[in-house]
Amino acid sequence: MRPARPCRSASPVVRRFFEIVDEAKATRNAIAERVGIHEHAITNWRTGYSSPVIANFESALEVLGYRLAIVRNDELDSDEAGRKD
C-alpha cells in the first residue's frame, strides 16, 4: 500500500478525520463501501476538492469508531480545567 497523501482540506475537522484514517490504516474503499459512497468522494475530501456531506462524514467517523459532537466552548474549557495531566 502506498503512503497516504497529505490532507489539504481547510477544515481542521476533516484533517483530524484523515489523521484517524491514517492511524487506523483504513482504506478509502473500505470506508466508502460501508458508508455507501464512491471512494472518489473520500479522495476529494482529502484533497480539498470537495467537503463531505455531514451525514456521510458522520457515517465515515462511525465506521472508524468515532462520532461527531458539538460542544460549547465553555463546556470544553471546564473539562480541560478539571484535567490534571
Protein backbone atom coordinates (compact mmCIF):
# COMPACT_ATOMS: atom_id res chain seq x y z
CA MET A 1 0.00 0.00 0.00
CA ARG A 2 1.39 3.40 -0.93
CA PRO A 3 1.68 6.17 1.68
CA ALA A 4 -1.36 8.40 2.13
CA ARG A 5 -1.36 11.81 0.56
CA PRO A 6 -1.30 14.72 2.99
CA CYS A 7 -4.71 16.17 3.71
CA ARG A 8 -5.16 19.55 2.02
CA SER A 9 -8.63 20.31 3.37
CA ALA A 10 -9.03 23.70 5.02
CA SER A 11 -11.24 22.17 7.70
CA PRO A 12 -9.44 21.08 10.89
CA VAL A 13 -12.22 18.54 11.49
CA VAL A 14 -11.62 16.91 8.10
CA ARG A 15 -7.84 16.98 8.66
CA ARG A 16 -8.36 15.20 12.01
CA PHE A 17 -10.56 12.63 10.28
CA PHE A 18 -7.70 11.75 7.93
CA GLU A 19 -5.26 11.50 10.84
CA ILE A 20 -7.64 8.90 12.28
CA VAL A 21 -7.93 7.15 8.91
CA ASP A 22 -4.15 7.01 8.57
CA GLU A 23 -3.63 5.80 12.16
CA ALA A 24 -6.21 3.05 11.61
CA LYS A 25 -4.65 2.16 8.26
CA ALA A 26 -8.17 2.16 6.85
CA THR A 27 -8.63 2.25 3.10
CA ARG A 28 -10.87 4.76 1.38
CA ASN A 29 -12.54 1.87 -0.42
CA ALA A 30 -13.44 0.09 2.82
CA ILE A 31 -14.82 3.28 4.37
CA ALA A 32 -16.71 4.30 1.24
CA GLU A 33 -18.26 0.87 0.84
CA ARG A 34 -19.60 0.87 4.42
CA VAL A 35 -20.87 4.45 4.11
CA GLY A 36 -22.44 3.86 0.69
CA ILE A 37 -20.50 6.46 -1.26
CA HIS A 38 -17.90 6.30 -4.03
CA GLU A 39 -14.28 6.12 -2.88
CA HIS A 40 -13.51 9.19 -5.01
CA ALA A 41 -15.68 11.22 -2.63
CA ILE A 42 -13.25 10.44 0.18
CA THR A 43 -10.30 11.29 -2.04
CA ASN A 44 -11.97 14.62 -2.81
CA TRP A 45 -12.36 15.32 0.92
CA ARG A 46 -8.64 14.66 1.45
CA THR A 47 -7.51 16.85 -1.44
CA GLY A 48 -9.90 19.66 -0.51
CA TYR A 49 -11.64 19.40 -3.87
CA SER A 50 -14.95 18.98 -2.04
CA SER A 51 -16.26 18.95 1.50
CA PRO A 52 -18.13 16.00 2.94
CA VAL A 53 -21.90 15.96 3.29
CA ILE A 54 -22.43 15.92 7.05
CA ALA A 55 -24.43 12.65 7.06
CA ASN A 56 -21.69 10.87 5.08
CA PHE A 57 -18.99 12.36 7.29
CA GLU A 58 -20.78 11.18 10.44
CA SER A 59 -21.16 7.70 8.94
CA ALA A 60 -17.48 7.59 7.97
CA LEU A 61 -16.49 8.53 11.52
CA GLU A 62 -18.76 5.80 12.90
CA VAL A 63 -17.05 3.25 10.63
CA LEU A 64 -13.82 4.19 12.42
CA GLY A 65 -15.39 4.01 15.88
CA TYR A 66 -15.85 7.77 16.39
CA ARG A 67 -18.77 10.16 16.46
CA LEU A 68 -19.15 13.82 15.64
CA ALA A 69 -20.19 16.03 18.56
CA ILE A 70 -20.94 19.70 19.07
CA VAL A 71 -19.59 21.02 22.36
CA ARG A 72 -19.93 24.55 23.75
CA ASN A 73 -16.61 26.28 24.22
CA ASP A 74 -17.27 26.89 27.91
CA GLU A 75 -18.01 23.18 28.41
CA LEU A 76 -14.75 22.31 26.69
CA ASP A 77 -12.86 24.83 28.82
CA SER A 78 -14.28 23.42 32.08
CA ASP A 79 -13.40 19.86 31.01
CA GLU A 80 -9.83 20.92 30.30
CA ALA A 81 -9.59 22.83 33.59
CA GLY A 82 -10.68 19.73 35.52
CA ARG A 83 -7.98 17.56 33.93
CA LYS A 84 -4.73 17.01 35.74
CA ASP A 85 -2.14 15.92 33.19
